[in-house]
Protein backbone atom coordinates (compact mmCIF):
# COMPACT_ATOMS: atom_id res chain seq x y z
CA MET A 1 0.23 -0.05 -0.11
CA GLY A 2 3.08 2.24 0.48
CA ILE A 3 1.56 3.64 3.47
CA GLY A 4 5.35 3.28 5.46
CA LYS A 5 7.17 5.44 2.37
CA LYS A 6 4.09 7.93 2.33
CA LEU A 7 4.96 8.57 6.09
CA ILE A 8 8.58 8.81 6.19
CA LYS A 9 8.17 11.22 2.74
CA GLU A 10 6.00 13.62 5.17
CA LEU A 11 8.67 13.23 7.77
CA PHE A 12 11.49 14.16 5.88
CA PHE A 13 9.60 17.07 4.40
CA LYS A 14 9.10 18.73 7.77
CA PHE A 15 12.62 17.54 8.72
CA GLU A 16 13.89 19.90 5.57
CA GLU A 17 11.42 22.36 6.62
CA LEU A 18 13.15 22.37 10.10
CA GLY A 19 16.66 22.28 8.99
CA PHE A 20 17.63 18.80 9.43
CA LYS A 21 20.02 17.49 6.78
CA THR A 22 20.91 14.23 8.09
CA ILE A 23 18.41 11.57 9.82
CA PHE A 24 19.05 8.42 11.80
CA VAL A 25 17.02 5.89 13.24
CA GLU A 26 17.94 3.35 15.54
CA VAL A 27 16.35 -0.15 15.57
CA LEU A 28 16.79 -2.91 17.85
CA GLU A 29 17.57 -5.79 16.61
CA ASP A 30 14.32 -8.43 16.40
CA ASN A 31 12.41 -6.52 18.77
CA LYS A 32 9.76 -8.46 20.02
CA SER A 33 10.01 -6.07 23.39
CA ARG A 34 13.54 -7.93 23.68
CA TYR A 35 11.73 -10.66 26.35
CA PHE A 36 11.42 -7.59 28.81
CA TYR A 37 15.09 -6.44 28.19
CA GLU A 38 16.37 -9.71 28.25
CA ALA A 39 14.57 -10.47 31.78
CA PHE A 40 16.76 -7.72 33.62
CA GLY A 41 20.17 -8.83 32.10
CA ALA A 42 19.17 -6.51 29.27
CA GLU A 43 22.44 -6.87 26.26
CA LEU A 44 21.27 -4.18 23.18
CA ASN A 45 22.35 -5.05 19.47
CA LEU A 46 21.27 -1.62 17.85
CA LEU A 47 21.19 -0.90 14.10
CA VAL A 48 20.89 2.60 13.03
CA TYR A 49 20.30 3.76 10.13
CA GLU A 50 21.24 7.47 8.17
CA TRP A 51 20.29 9.19 5.45
CA ARG A 52 23.27 11.51 4.83
CA ASP A 53 21.40 13.35 1.88
CA ILE A 54 17.30 12.97 2.17
CA SER A 55 16.89 15.29 -1.25
CA PRO A 56 16.14 11.85 -3.41
CA ILE A 57 13.35 10.74 -1.13
CA LEU A 58 11.69 14.32 -1.82
CA LEU A 59 11.40 13.82 -5.18
């Protein structure tokens, strides 16, 4: 349906309006609430996605 793409595009238009040039998203690996932070022994695997130039998204 393209809903995610539409949402991110709207976000990026707003970010551009606010003057942001670089954007990143932090994503926890295999989320699933991570078994309530690995039953308190919490270890974190983190993926970071970054857009250094959002202008191609805005086309």
